[in-house]
Amino acid sequence: MKDSWKRPIAESMPDVRYAQQLELQLNKTRDATPEECAAWEQEDFFRAGKFDSMKMFVVLPTLIQLIMMGFMFSVFWFNANNF
């Protein structure tokens, strides 16, 4: 027996085994029961539609942006008056 450089390998060398990654359980799923689907419809905030998309995706980010601009201008004012 020879290694990759064509050198003879002693037969007494230990058998080196590399650790293998465990198999992912992605393809061993099951279908949800109708009762589970109904429960998810009631419990999940976005799936149940218990939100106003205008508030969630327009008004809230706009308020955050305006508040951050206020902080930015206050830092400008602070730096102009103190440095």
Protein backbone atom coordinates (compact mmCIF):
# COMPACT_ATOMS: atom_id res chain seq x y z
CA MET A 1 0.00 0.00 0.00
CA LYS A 2 1.32 3.47 -0.93
CA ASP A 3 0.36 6.99 0.02
CA SER A 4 -0.38 9.82 -2.42
CA TRP A 5 3.39 10.46 -2.90
CA LYS A 6 3.96 6.79 -3.79
CA ARG A 7 5.75 6.07 -0.51
CA PRO A 8 5.19 2.77 1.20
CA ILE A 9 2.84 2.89 4.16
CA ALA A 10 3.42 0.71 7.18
CA GLU A 11 0.47 -1.58 7.82
CA SER A 12 0.51 -0.71 11.52
CA MET A 13 -0.68 2.88 10.95
CA PRO A 14 -3.95 3.67 12.72
CA ASP A 15 -7.07 3.99 10.62
CA VAL A 16 -7.87 7.72 10.54
CA ARG A 17 -11.57 8.50 10.37
CA TYR A 18 -12.88 12.02 9.97
CA ALA A 19 -15.91 13.30 11.82
CA GLN A 20 -18.94 13.48 9.57
CA GLN A 21 -21.70 16.05 9.70
CA LEU A 22 -24.96 14.69 11.02
CA GLU A 23 -27.78 14.29 8.53
CA LEU A 24 -30.30 17.13 8.51
CA GLN A 25 -33.90 16.15 9.16
CA LEU A 26 -35.29 18.39 6.39
CA ASN A 27 -37.01 15.76 4.30
CA LYS A 28 -38.69 13.96 7.19
CA THR A 29 -41.59 16.34 7.67
CA ARG A 30 -45.27 15.66 8.11
CA ASP A 31 -48.34 17.52 6.93
CA ALA A 32 -50.15 19.66 9.46
CA THR A 33 -53.60 18.63 10.57
CA PRO A 34 -56.55 20.93 9.81
CA GLU A 35 -56.80 21.69 13.55
CA GLU A 36 -53.15 22.82 13.63
CA CYS A 37 -53.72 25.03 10.57
CA ALA A 38 -56.76 26.62 12.18
CA ALA A 39 -54.78 27.27 15.37
CA TRP A 40 -51.98 28.90 13.37
CA GLU A 41 -54.51 31.09 11.56
CA GLN A 42 -55.68 32.44 14.93
CA GLU A 43 -52.30 32.66 16.72
CA ASP A 44 -49.96 34.02 14.05
CA PHE A 45 -50.02 37.84 13.97
CA PHE A 46 -49.21 38.27 10.28
CA ARG A 47 -51.14 35.26 8.99
CA ALA A 48 -54.28 36.28 10.87
CA GLY A 49 -54.05 39.78 9.33
CA LYS A 50 -54.46 41.57 12.64
CA PHE A 51 -52.41 44.54 11.48
CA ASP A 52 -52.81 47.57 9.27
CA SER A 53 -50.16 47.37 6.56
CA MET A 54 -50.08 51.16 6.14
CA LYS A 55 -49.10 51.62 9.78
CA MET A 56 -46.75 48.66 9.84
CA PHE A 57 -44.74 49.34 6.69
CA VAL A 58 -45.07 53.11 6.09
CA VAL A 59 -45.92 55.10 9.19
CA LEU A 60 -43.68 53.29 11.69
CA PRO A 61 -40.49 53.45 9.55
CA THR A 62 -41.23 57.11 8.73
CA LEU A 63 -41.50 57.97 12.43
CA ILE A 64 -38.25 56.15 13.17
CA GLN A 65 -36.52 58.00 10.34
CA LEU A 66 -37.77 61.40 11.55
CA ILE A 67 -36.66 60.67 15.11
CA MET A 68 -33.19 59.66 13.86
CA MET A 69 -32.97 62.86 11.79
CA GLY A 70 -33.82 64.82 14.95
CA PHE A 71 -30.99 63.04 16.78
CA MET A 72 -28.62 63.78 13.89
CA PHE A 73 -29.47 67.50 13.86
CA SER A 74 -29.14 67.67 17.64
CA VAL A 75 -25.61 66.21 17.35
CA PHE A 76 -24.83 68.82 14.65
CA TRP A 77 -26.08 71.57 16.96
CA PHE A 78 -24.15 70.15 19.93
CA ASN A 79 -20.92 69.92 17.93
CA ALA A 80 -21.32 73.43 16.51
CA ASN A 81 -21.81 74.97 19.95
CA ASN A 82 -19.23 72.99 21.91
CA PHE A 83 -16.32 72.39 19.55
